[in-house]
């Protein structure tokens, strides 16, 4: 697992991988999310590997929401349910904006 022991991150804003013993070689990176506080924009990279179905990304996003809410709650002291509600509100607002801008939704 030498890739877990990089001394310098690939990008100055990258999250460190050190200290995550459960992240073994059988995992692969599916997505990265970046946000610019100055520009108010995001940048996402999603892998195009052929061995995962699109539903996997949806499932992982939901798991990510739960993990983010727990971490944010622990860091800020806000109730986890309140944080989770705010994250879902962000999803709902962005989805509504995309539909209003002409994105198709099934």
PDB file of N, CA and C in Angstrom:
ATOM      1  N   UNK A   1       0.822  -1.198   0.000  1.00  0.00           N
ATOM      2  CA  UNK A   1       0.000   0.000   0.000  1.00  0.00           C
ATOM      3  C   UNK A   1       0.861   1.255   0.000  1.00  0.00           C
ATOM      4  N   UNK A   2       1.890   1.254  -0.779  1.00  0.00           N
ATOM      5  CA  UNK A   2       2.784   2.407  -0.802  1.00  0.00           C
ATOM      6  C   UNK A   2       2.079   3.670  -1.263  1.00  0.00           C
ATOM      7  N   UNK A   3       1.015   3.539  -2.062  1.00  0.00           N
ATOM      8  CA  UNK A   3       0.293   4.719  -2.533  1.00  0.00           C
ATOM      9  C   UNK A   3      -0.411   5.427  -1.384  1.00  0.00           C
ATOM     10  N   UNK A   4      -0.613   4.756  -0.249  1.00  0.00           N
ATOM     11  CA  UNK A   4      -1.220   5.400   0.915  1.00  0.00           C
ATOM     12  C   UNK A   4      -0.218   6.233   1.697  1.00  0.00           C
ATOM     13  N   UNK A   5       1.039   6.086   1.399  1.00  0.00           N
ATOM     14  CA  UNK A   5       2.073   6.742   2.186  1.00  0.00           C
ATOM     15  C   UNK A   5       2.738   7.893   1.439  1.00  0.00           C
ATOM     16  N   UNK A   6       2.020   8.509   0.544  1.00  0.00           N
ATOM     17  CA  UNK A   6       2.587   9.653  -0.179  1.00  0.00           C
ATOM     18  C   UNK A   6       2.964  10.742   0.814  1.00  0.00           C
ATOM     19  N   UNK A   7       4.116  11.314   0.642  1.00  0.00           N
ATOM     20  CA  UNK A   7       4.526  12.374   1.550  1.00  0.00           C
ATOM     21  C   UNK A   7       3.864  13.696   1.183  1.00  0.00           C
ATOM     22  N   UNK A   8       3.586  13.895  -0.091  1.00  0.00           N
ATOM     23  CA  UNK A   8       2.939  15.130  -0.517  1.00  0.00           C
ATOM     24  C   UNK A   8       1.671  14.794  -1.285  1.00  0.00           C
ATOM     25  N   UNK A   9       0.586  15.538  -1.030  1.00  0.00           N
ATOM     26  CA  UNK A   9      -0.654  15.274  -1.760  1.00  0.00           C
ATOM     27  C   UNK A   9      -0.517  15.644  -3.231  1.00  0.00           C
ATOM     28  N   UNK A  10      -1.389  15.055  -4.056  1.00  0.00           N
ATOM     29  CA  UNK A  10      -1.380  15.354  -5.488  1.00  0.00           C
ATOM     30  C   UNK A  10      -1.796  16.793  -5.765  1.00  0.00           C
ATOM     31  N   UNK A  11      -2.543  17.380  -4.864  1.00  0.00           N
ATOM     32  CA  UNK A  11      -3.078  18.734  -5.010  1.00  0.00           C
ATOM     33  C   UNK A  11      -3.041  19.380  -3.627  1.00  0.00           C
ATOM     34  N   UNK A  12      -2.774  20.683  -3.531  1.00  0.00           N
ATOM     35  CA  UNK A  12      -2.678  21.315  -2.211  1.00  0.00           C
ATOM     36  C   UNK A  12      -3.957  21.189  -1.376  1.00  0.00           C
ATOM     37  N   UNK A  13      -5.109  21.028  -2.011  1.00  0.00           N
ATOM     38  CA  UNK A  13      -6.358  20.907  -1.270  1.00  0.00           C
ATOM     39  C   UNK A  13      -6.821  19.481  -1.063  1.00  0.00           C
ATOM     40  N   UNK A  14      -5.972  18.504  -1.403  1.00  0.00           N
ATOM     41  CA  UNK A  14      -6.367  17.094  -1.307  1.00  0.00           C
ATOM     42  C   UNK A  14      -6.478  16.647   0.147  1.00  0.00           C
ATOM     43  N   UNK A  15      -7.431  15.762   0.399  1.00  0.00           N
ATOM     44  CA  UNK A  15      -7.553  15.150   1.718  1.00  0.00           C
ATOM     45  C   UNK A  15      -6.451  14.113   1.871  1.00  0.00           C
ATOM     46  N   UNK A  16      -5.828  14.040   3.041  1.00  0.00           N
ATOM     47  CA  UNK A  16      -4.769  13.047   3.230  1.00  0.00           C
ATOM     48  C   UNK A  16      -5.346  11.640   3.321  1.00  0.00           C
ATOM     49  N   UNK A  17      -4.652  10.674   2.749  1.00  0.00           N
ATOM     50  CA  UNK A  17      -5.071   9.280   2.818  1.00  0.00           C
ATOM     51  C   UNK A  17      -4.437   8.558   4.001  1.00  0.00           C
ATOM     52  N   UNK A  18      -3.419   9.141   4.603  1.00  0.00           N
ATOM     53  CA  UNK A  18      -2.761   8.520   5.740  1.00  0.00           C
ATOM     54  C   UNK A  18      -3.757   8.373   6.886  1.00  0.00           C
ATOM     55  N   UNK A  19      -3.598   7.288   7.635  1.00  0.00           N
ATOM     56  CA  UNK A  19      -4.442   7.091   8.802  1.00  0.00           C
ATOM     57  C   UNK A  19      -5.752   6.382   8.522  1.00  0.00           C
ATOM     58  N   UNK A  20      -5.931   5.880   7.324  1.00  0.00           N
ATOM     59  CA  UNK A  20      -7.148   5.155   6.961  1.00  0.00           C
ATOM     60  C   UNK A  20      -6.768   3.704   6.684  1.00  0.00           C
ATOM     61  N   UNK A  21      -6.530   2.957   7.759  1.00  0.00           N
ATOM     62  CA  UNK A  21      -6.043   1.581   7.634  1.00  0.00           C
ATOM     63  C   UNK A  21      -7.011   0.685   6.870  1.00  0.00           C
ATOM     64  N   UNK A  22      -8.294   0.998   6.893  1.00  0.00           N
ATOM     65  CA  UNK A  22      -9.281   0.179   6.188  1.00  0.00           C
ATOM     66  C   UNK A  22      -9.236   0.328   4.686  1.00  0.00           C
ATOM     67  N   UNK A  23      -8.521   1.326   4.194  1.00  0.00           N
ATOM     68  CA  UNK A  23      -8.427   1.573   2.754  1.00  0.00           C
ATOM     69  C   UNK A  23      -7.321   0.694   2.179  1.00  0.00           C
ATOM     70  N   UNK A  24      -7.676  -0.519   1.839  1.00  0.00           N
ATOM     71  CA  UNK A  24      -6.705  -1.494   1.349  1.00  0.00           C
ATOM     72  C   UNK A  24      -6.661  -1.496  -0.176  1.00  0.00           C
ATOM     73  N   UNK A  25      -5.768  -2.291  -0.725  1.00  0.00           N
ATOM     74  CA  UNK A  25      -5.535  -2.312  -2.168  1.00  0.00           C
ATOM     75  C   UNK A  25      -6.711  -2.819  -2.994  1.00  0.00           C
ATOM     76  N   UNK A  26      -7.710  -3.440  -2.364  1.00  0.00           N
ATOM     77  CA  UNK A  26      -8.848  -3.930  -3.143  1.00  0.00           C
ATOM     78  C   UNK A  26      -9.871  -2.831  -3.432  1.00  0.00           C
ATOM     79  N   UNK A  27      -9.671  -1.621  -2.916  1.00  0.00           N
ATOM     80  CA  UNK A  27     -10.551  -0.487  -3.203  1.00  0.00           C
ATOM     81  C   UNK A  27     -10.045   0.259  -4.428  1.00  0.00           C
ATOM     82  N   UNK A  28     -10.964   0.918  -5.144  1.00  0.00           N
ATOM     83  CA  UNK A  28     -10.554   1.817  -6.221  1.00  0.00           C
ATOM     84  C   UNK A  28     -11.284   3.134  -6.047  1.00  0.00           C
ATOM     85  N   UNK A  29     -10.658   4.196  -6.508  1.00  0.00           N
ATOM     86  CA  UNK A  29     -11.241   5.525  -6.385  1.00  0.00           C
ATOM     87  C   UNK A  29     -12.266   5.716  -7.480  1.00  0.00           C
ATOM     88  N   UNK A  30     -13.472   6.121  -7.104  1.00  0.00           N
ATOM     89  CA  UNK A  30     -14.555   6.291  -8.061  1.00  0.00           C
ATOM     90  C   UNK A  30     -14.801   7.759  -8.388  1.00  0.00           C
ATOM     91  N   UNK A  31     -14.607   8.637  -7.408  1.00  0.00           N
ATOM     92  CA  UNK A  31     -14.906  10.051  -7.655  1.00  0.00           C
ATOM     93  C   UNK A  31     -14.099  10.943  -6.718  1.00  0.00           C
ATOM     94  N   UNK A  32     -13.903  12.167  -7.160  1.00  0.00           N
ATOM     95  CA  UNK A  32     -13.313  13.229  -6.343  1.00  0.00           C
ATOM     96  C   UNK A  32     -14.181  14.466  -6.506  1.00  0.00           C
ATOM     97  N   UNK A  33     -14.350  15.183  -5.423  1.00  0.00           N
ATOM     98  CA  UNK A  33     -15.156  16.405  -5.441  1.00  0.00           C
ATOM     99  C   UNK A  33     -14.313  17.550  -4.898  1.00  0.00           C
ATOM    100  N   UNK A  34     -14.291  18.651  -5.622  1.00  0.00           N
ATOM    101  CA  UNK A  34     -13.525  19.825  -5.230  1.00  0.00           C
ATOM    102  C   UNK A  34     -14.460  21.028  -5.221  1.00  0.00           C
ATOM    103  N   UNK A  35     -14.217  21.967  -4.318  1.00  0.00           N
ATOM    104  CA  UNK A  35     -15.037  23.172  -4.223  1.00  0.00           C
ATOM    105  C   UNK A  35     -14.112  24.375  -4.105  1.00  0.00           C
ATOM    106  N   UNK A  36     -14.440  25.445  -4.832  1.00  0.00           N
ATOM    107  CA  UNK A  36     -13.707  26.698  -4.716  1.00  0.00           C
ATOM    108  C   UNK A  36     -14.570  27.681  -3.932  1.00  0.00           C
ATOM    109  N   UNK A  37     -14.134  28.008  -2.729  1.00  0.00           N
ATOM    110  CA  UNK A  37     -14.873  28.977  -1.922  1.00  0.00           C
ATOM    111  C   UNK A  37     -14.845  30.354  -2.579  1.00  0.00           C
ATOM    112  N   UNK A  38     -13.760  30.665  -3.269  1.00  0.00           N
ATOM    113  CA  UNK A  38     -13.632  31.968  -3.918  1.00  0.00           C
ATOM    114  C   UNK A  38     -14.552  32.102  -5.121  1.00  0.00           C
ATOM    115  N   UNK A  39     -14.676  31.039  -5.908  1.00  0.00           N
ATOM    116  CA  UNK A  39     -15.483  31.095  -7.125  1.00  0.00           C
ATOM    117  C   UNK A  39     -16.908  30.604  -6.918  1.00  0.00           C
ATOM    118  N   UNK A  40     -17.157  29.925  -5.800  1.00  0.00           N
ATOM    119  CA  UNK A  40     -18.480  29.366  -5.559  1.00  0.00           C
ATOM    120  C   UNK A  40     -18.836  28.282  -6.563  1.00  0.00           C
ATOM    121  N   UNK A  41     -17.839  27.564  -7.017  1.00  0.00           N
ATOM    122  CA  UNK A  41     -18.038  26.524  -8.033  1.00  0.00           C
ATOM    123  C   UNK A  41     -17.468  25.204  -7.541  1.00  0.00           C
ATOM    124  N   UNK A  42     -17.906  24.144  -8.186  1.00  0.00           N
ATOM    125  CA  UNK A  42     -17.378  22.825  -7.851  1.00  0.00           C
ATOM    126  C   UNK A  42     -16.730  22.198  -9.076  1.00  0.00           C
ATOM    127  N   UNK A  43     -15.911  21.211  -8.817  1.00  0.00           N
ATOM    128  CA  UNK A  43     -15.246  20.454  -9.868  1.00  0.00           C
ATOM    129  C   UNK A  43     -15.296  18.999  -9.437  1.00  0.00           C
ATOM    130  N   UNK A  44     -15.828  18.142 -10.269  1.00  0.00           N
ATOM    131  CA  UNK A  44     -15.956  16.723  -9.938  1.00  0.00           C
ATOM    132  C   UNK A  44     -15.284  15.879 -11.003  1.00  0.00           C
ATOM    133  N   UNK A  45     -14.652  14.824 -10.557  1.00  0.00           N
ATOM    134  CA  UNK A  45     -14.080  13.832 -11.458  1.00  0.00           C
ATOM    135  C   UNK A  45     -14.716  12.501 -11.083  1.00  0.00           C
ATOM    136  N   UNK A  46     -15.332  11.845 -12.048  1.00  0.00           N
ATOM    137  CA  UNK A  46     -15.944  10.542 -11.807  1.00  0.00           C
ATOM    138  C   UNK A  46     -15.291   9.544 -12.746  1.00  0.00           C
ATOM    139  N   UNK A  47     -14.809   8.451 -12.180  1.00  0.00           N
ATOM    140  CA  UNK A  47     -14.149   7.428 -12.975  1.00  0.00           C
ATOM    141  C   UNK A  47     -15.098   6.784 -13.968  1.00  0.00           C
ATOM    142  N   UNK A  48     -14.548   6.328 -15.065  1.00  0.00           N
ATOM    143  CA  UNK A  48     -15.363   5.688 -16.101  1.00  0.00           C
ATOM    144  C   UNK A  48     -15.045   4.205 -16.203  1.00  0.00           C
ATOM    145  N   UNK A  49     -14.675   3.622 -15.115  1.00  0.00           N
ATOM    146  CA  UNK A  49     -14.352   2.201 -15.124  1.00  0.00           C
ATOM    147  C   UNK A  49     -15.599   1.410 -15.498  1.00  0.00           C
ATOM    148  N   UNK A  50     -15.402   0.373 -16.252  1.00  0.00           N
ATOM    149  CA  UNK A  50     -16.539  -0.379 -16.785  1.00  0.00           C
ATOM    150  C   UNK A  50     -17.094  -1.416 -15.824  1.00  0.00           C
ATOM    151  N   UNK A  51     -16.445  -1.658 -14.715  1.00  0.00           N
ATOM    152  CA  UNK A  51     -16.914  -2.713 -13.829  1.00  0.00           C
ATOM    153  C   UNK A  51     -17.811  -2.226 -12.688  1.00  0.00           C
ATOM    154  N   UNK A  52     -18.407  -1.065 -12.828  1.00  0.00           N
ATOM    155  CA  UNK A  52     -19.384  -0.640 -11.828  1.00  0.00           C
ATOM    156  C   UNK A  52     -20.627  -0.102 -12.517  1.00  0.00           C
ATOM    157  N   UNK A  53     -21.815  -0.415 -11.974  1.00  0.00           N
ATOM    158  CA  UNK A  53     -23.055   0.096 -12.543  1.00  0.00           C
ATOM    159  C   UNK A  53     -23.312   1.521 -12.042  1.00  0.00           C
ATOM    160  N   UNK A  54     -24.057   2.337 -12.783  1.00  0.00           N
ATOM    161  CA  UNK A  54     -24.351   3.705 -12.350  1.00  0.00           C
ATOM    162  C   UNK A  54     -25.020   3.766 -10.974  1.00  0.00           C
ATOM    163  N   UNK A  55     -25.795   2.743 -10.644  1.00  0.00           N
ATOM    164  CA  UNK A  55     -26.465   2.725  -9.343  1.00  0.00           C
ATOM    165  C   UNK A  55     -25.468   2.720  -8.185  1.00  0.00           C
ATOM    166  N   UNK A  56     -24.273   2.197  -8.436  1.00  0.00           N
ATOM    167  CA  UNK A  56     -23.250   2.195  -7.398  1.00  0.00           C
ATOM    168  C   UNK A  56     -22.895   3.621  -7.002  1.00  0.00           C
ATOM    169  N   UNK A  57     -22.769   4.507  -7.971  1.00  0.00           N
ATOM    170  CA  UNK A  57     -22.456   5.899  -7.658  1.00  0.00           C
ATOM    171  C   UNK A  57     -23.571   6.512  -6.818  1.00  0.00           C
ATOM    172  N   UNK A  58     -24.827   6.237  -7.173  1.00  0.00           N
ATOM    173  CA  UNK A  58     -25.945   6.743  -6.377  1.00  0.00           C
ATOM    174  C   UNK A  58     -25.888   6.245  -4.945  1.00  0.00           C
ATOM    175  N   UNK A  59     -25.612   4.970  -4.785  1.00  0.00           N
ATOM    176  CA  UNK A  59     -25.505   4.373  -3.453  1.00  0.00           C
ATOM    177  C   UNK A  59     -24.364   5.006  -2.660  1.00  0.00           C
ATOM    178  N   UNK A  60     -23.233   5.218  -3.321  1.00  0.00           N
ATOM    179  CA  UNK A  60     -22.086   5.819  -2.647  1.00  0.00           C
ATOM    180  C   UNK A  60     -22.348   7.271  -2.260  1.00  0.00           C
ATOM    181  N   UNK A  61     -23.087   7.991  -3.087  1.00  0.00           N
ATOM    182  CA  UNK A  61     -23.418   9.376  -2.747  1.00  0.00           C
ATOM    183  C   UNK A  61     -24.270   9.430  -1.483  1.00  0.00           C
ATOM    184  N   UNK A  62     -25.228   8.509  -1.364  1.00  0.00           N
ATOM    185  CA  UNK A  62     -26.054   8.460  -0.155  1.00  0.00           C
ATOM    186  C   UNK A  62     -25.194   8.116   1.063  1.00  0.00           C
ATOM    187  N   UNK A  63     -24.304   7.144   0.911  1.00  0.00           N
ATOM    188  CA  UNK A  63     -23.398   6.786   2.008  1.00  0.00           C
ATOM    189  C   UNK A  63     -22.498   7.965   2.367  1.00  0.00           C
ATOM    190  N   UNK A  64     -22.046   8.690   1.362  1.00  0.00           N
ATOM    191  CA  UNK A  64     -21.211   9.869   1.575  1.00  0.00           C
ATOM    192  C   UNK A  64     -21.966  10.937   2.367  1.00  0.00           C
ATOM    193  N   UNK A  65     -23.243  11.123   2.048  1.00  0.00           N
ATOM    194  CA  UNK A  65     -24.071  12.092   2.765  1.00  0.00           C
ATOM    195  C   UNK A  65     -24.135  11.726   4.246  1.00  0.00           C
ATOM    196  N   UNK A  66     -24.369  10.459   4.543  1.00  0.00           N
ATOM    197  CA  UNK A  66     -24.452  10.004   5.936  1.00  0.00           C
ATOM    198  C   UNK A  66     -23.117  10.228   6.661  1.00  0.00           C
ATOM    199  N   UNK A  67     -22.022   9.864   6.005  1.00  0.00           N
ATOM    200  CA  UNK A  67     -20.696  10.021   6.600  1.00  0.00           C
ATOM    201  C   UNK A  67     -20.367  11.496   6.814  1.00  0.00           C
ATOM    202  N   UNK A  68     -20.695  12.327   5.829  1.00  0.00           N
ATOM    203  CA  UNK A  68     -20.429  13.762   5.937  1.00  0.00           C
ATOM    204  C   UNK A  68     -21.236  14.389   7.066  1.00  0.00           C
ATOM    205  N   UNK A  69     -22.489  13.997   7.197  1.00  0.00           N
ATOM    206  CA  UNK A  69     -23.334  14.544   8.264  1.00  0.00           C
ATOM    207  C   UNK A  69     -22.771  14.181   9.636  1.00  0.00           C
ATOM    208  N   UNK A  70     -22.346  12.937   9.794  1.00  0.00           N
ATOM    209  CA  UNK A  70     -21.782  12.505  11.076  1.00  0.00           C
ATOM    210  C   UNK A  70     -20.493  13.264  11.387  1.00  0.00           C
ATOM    211  N   UNK A  71     -19.623  13.401  10.393  1.00  0.00           N
ATOM    212  CA  UNK A  71     -18.366  14.112  10.598  1.00  0.00           C
ATOM    213  C   UNK A  71     -18.569  15.590  10.873  1.00  0.00           C
ATOM    214  N   UNK A  72     -19.454  16.217  10.120  1.00  0.00           N
ATOM    215  CA  UNK A  72     -19.737  17.641  10.306  1.00  0.00           C
ATOM    216  C   UNK A  72     -20.323  17.875  11.690  1.00  0.00           C
ATOM    217  N   UNK A  73     -21.229  16.991  12.098  1.00  0.00           N
ATOM    218  CA  UNK A  73     -21.843  17.089  13.419  1.00  0.00           C
ATOM    219  C   UNK A  73     -20.796  16.965  14.522  1.00  0.00           C
ATOM    220  N   UNK A  74     -19.916  15.993  14.388  1.00  0.00           N
ATOM    221  CA  UNK A  74     -18.868  15.790  15.391  1.00  0.00           C
ATOM    222  C   UNK A  74     -17.925  16.985  15.466  1.00  0.00           C
ATOM    223  N   UNK A  75     -17.653  17.596  14.328  1.00  0.00           N
ATOM    224  CA  UNK A  75     -16.711  18.719  14.274  1.00  0.00           C
ATOM    225  C   UNK A  75     -17.324  20.020  14.788  1.00  0.00           C
ATOM    226  N   UNK A  76     -18.612  20.232  14.479  1.00  0.00           N
ATOM    227  CA  UNK A  76     -19.246  21.510  14.818  1.00  0.00           C
ATOM    228  C   UNK A  76     -20.117  21.468  16.064  1.00  0.00           C
ATOM    229  N   UNK A  77     -20.546  20.272  16.473  1.00  0.00           N
ATOM    230  CA  UNK A  77     -21.454  20.164  17.606  1.00  0.00           C
ATOM    231  C   UNK A  77     -22.918  20.322  17.232  1.00  0.00           C
ATOM    232  N   UNK A  78     -23.197  20.590  15.960  1.00  0.00           N
ATOM    233  CA  UNK A  78     -24.590  20.673  15.513  1.00  0.00           C
ATOM    234  C   UNK A  78     -25.206  19.278  15.527  1.00  0.00           C
ATOM    235  N   UNK A  79     -26.508  19.183  15.778  1.00  0.00           N
ATOM    236  CA  UNK A  79     -27.147  17.865  15.756  1.00  0.00           C
ATOM    237  C   UNK A  79     -27.030  17.214  14.377  1.00  0.00           C
ATOM    238  N   UNK A  80     -26.706  15.929  14.358  1.00  0.00           N
ATOM    239  CA  UNK A  80     -26.520  15.226  13.094  1.00  0.00           C
ATOM    240  C   UNK A  80     -27.770  15.287  12.220  1.00  0.00           C
ATOM    241  N   UNK A  81     -28.948  15.179  12.826  1.00  0.00           N
ATOM    242  CA  UNK A  81     -30.199  15.228  12.057  1.00  0.00           C
ATOM    243  C   UNK A  81     -30.355  16.574  11.352  1.00  0.00           C
ATOM    244  N   UNK A  82     -29.943  17.649  12.020  1.00  0.00           N
ATOM    245  CA  UNK A  82     -30.018  18.987  11.422  1.00  0.00           C
ATOM    246  C   UNK A  82     -29.048  19.113  10.243  1.00  0.00           C
ATOM    247  N   UNK A  83     -27.854  18.594  10.420  1.00  0.00           N
ATOM    248  CA  UNK A  83     -26.853  18.621   9.350  1.00  0.00           C
ATOM    249  C   UNK A  83     -27.339  17.794   8.166  1.00  0.00           C
ATOM    250  N   UNK A  84     -27.851  16.614   8.442  1.00  0.00           N
ATOM    251  CA  UNK A  84     -28.353  15.734   7.390  1.00  0.00           C
ATOM    252  C   UNK A  84     -29.481  16.408   6.617  1.00  0.00           C
ATOM    253  N   UNK A  85     -30.375  17.066   7.326  1.00  0.00           N
ATOM    254  CA  UNK A  85     -31.478  17.779   6.673  1.00  0.00           C
ATOM    255  C   UNK A  85     -30.934  18.873   5.746  1.00  0.00           C
ATOM    256  N   UNK A  86     -29.909  19.580   6.177  1.00  0.00           N
ATOM    257  CA  UNK A  86     -29.312  20.622   5.346  1.00  0.00           C
ATOM    258  C   UNK A  86     -28.661  20.061   4.092  1.00  0.00           C
ATOM    259  N   UNK A  87     -27.996  18.932   4.226  1.00  0.00           N
ATOM    260  CA  UNK A  87     -27.365  18.308   3.057  1.00  0.00           C
ATOM    261  C   UNK A  87     -28.430  17.869   2.057  1.00  0.00           C
ATOM    262  N   UNK A  88     -29.480  17.223   2.545  1.00  0.00           N
ATOM    263  CA  UNK A  88     -30.556  16.794   1.632  1.00  0.00           C
ATOM    264  C   UNK A  88     -31.237  17.992   0.984  1.00  0.00           C
ATOM    265  N   UNK A  89     -31.372  19.096   1.725  1.00  0.00           N
ATOM    266  CA  UNK A  89     -31.956  20.313   1.146  1.00  0.00           C
ATOM    267  C   UNK A  89     -31.085  20.803  -0.015  1.00  0.00           C
ATOM    268  N   UNK A  90     -29.773  20.730   0.156  1.00  0.00           N
ATOM    269  CA  UNK A  90     -28.867  21.103  -0.928  1.00  0.00           C
ATOM    270  C   UNK A  90     -29.050  20.220  -2.148  1.00  0.00           C
ATOM    271  N   UNK A  91     -29.212  18.915  -1.937  1.00  0.00           N
ATOM    272  CA  UNK A  91     -29.492  17.994  -3.045  1.00  0.00           C
ATOM    273  C   UNK A  91     -30.777  18.400  -3.758  1.00  0.00           C
ATOM    274  N   UNK A  92     -31.832  18.611  -2.973  1.00  0.00           N
ATOM    275  CA  UNK A  92     -33.139  18.944  -3.545  1.00  0.00           C
ATOM    276  C   UNK A  92     -33.090  20.241  -4.348  1.00  0.00           C
ATOM    277  N   UNK A  93     -32.414  21.255  -3.806  1.00  0.00           N
ATOM    278  CA  UNK A  93     -32.322  22.544  -4.501  1.00  0.00           C
ATOM    279  C   UNK A  93     -31.539  22.418  -5.804  1.00  0.00           C
ATOM    280  N   UNK A  94     -30.438  21.692  -5.782  1.00  0.00           N
ATOM    281  CA  UNK A  94     -29.629  21.535  -6.993  1.00  0.00           C
ATOM    282  C   UNK A  94     -30.360  20.706  -8.041  1.00  0.00           C
ATOM    283  N   UNK A  95     -31.039  19.669  -7.607  1.00  0.00           N
ATOM    284  CA  UNK A  95     -31.796  18.837  -8.548  1.00  0.00           C
ATOM    285  C   UNK A  95     -32.915  19.656  -9.193  1.00  0.00           C
ATOM    286  N   UNK A  96     -33.621  20.457  -8.409  1.00  0.00           N
ATOM    287  CA  UNK A  96     -34.687  21.308  -8.948  1.00  0.00           C
ATOM    288  C   UNK A  96     -34.119  22.328  -9.931  1.00  0.00           C
ATOM    289  N   UNK A  97     -32.937  22.879  -9.622  1.00  0.00           N
ATOM    290  CA  UNK A  97     -32.314  23.853 -10.526  1.00  0.00           C
ATOM    291  C   UNK A  97     -31.958  23.205 -11.850  1.00  0.00           C
ATOM    292  N   UNK A  98     -31.402  22.000 -11.804  1.00  0.00           N
ATOM    293  CA  UNK A  98     -31.036  21.301 -13.039  1.00  0.00           C
ATOM    294  C   UNK A  98     -32.263  21.003 -13.894  1.00  0.00           C
ATOM    295  N   UNK A  99     -33.339  20.580 -13.264  1.00  0.00           N
ATOM    296  CA  UNK A  99     -34.573  20.296 -14.002  1.00  0.00           C
ATOM    297  C   UNK A  99     -35.122  21.584 -14.610  1.00  0.00           C
ATOM    298  N   UNK A 100     -35.093  22.668 -13.854  1.00  0.00           N
ATOM    299  CA  UNK A 100     -35.575  23.954 -14.363  1.00  0.00           C
ATOM    300  C   UNK A 100     -34.731  24.432 -15.540  1.00  0.00           C
ATOM    301  N   UNK A 101     -33.450  24.073 -15.543  1.00  0.00           N
ATOM    302  CA  UNK A 101     -32.553  24.457 -16.639  1.00  0.00           C
ATOM    303  C   UNK A 101     -32.642  23.516 -17.833  1.00  0.00           C
ATOM    304  N   UNK A 102     -33.549  22.547 -17.769  1.00  0.00           N
ATOM    305  CA  UNK A 102     -33.774  21.683 -18.919  1.00  0.00           C
ATOM    306  C   UNK A 102     -33.197  20.293 -18.833  1.00  0.00           C
ATOM    307  N   UNK A 103     -32.593  19.944 -17.706  1.00  0.00           N
ATOM    308  CA  UNK A 103     -32.071  18.582 -17.565  1.00  0.00           C
ATOM    309  C   UNK A 103     -33.241  17.614 -17.471  1.00  0.00           C
ATOM    310  N   UNK A 104     -33.097  16.473 -18.118  1.00  0.00           N
ATOM    311  CA  UNK A 104     -34.163  15.475 -18.075  1.00  0.00           C
ATOM    312  C   UNK A 104     -34.098  14.709 -16.769  1.00  0.00           C
ATOM    313  N   UNK A 105     -35.265  14.398 -16.242  1.00  0.00           N
ATOM    314  CA  UNK A 105     -35.350  13.619 -15.018  1.00  0.00           C
ATOM    315  C   UNK A 105     -36.365  12.517 -15.229  1.00  0.00           C
ATOM    316  N   UNK A 106     -36.016  11.320 -14.863  1.00  0.00           N
ATOM    317  CA  UNK A 106     -36.939  10.188 -14.994  1.00  0.00           C
ATOM    318  C   UNK A 106     -37.565   9.875 -13.675  1.00  0.00           C
TER     319      UNK A 106
END
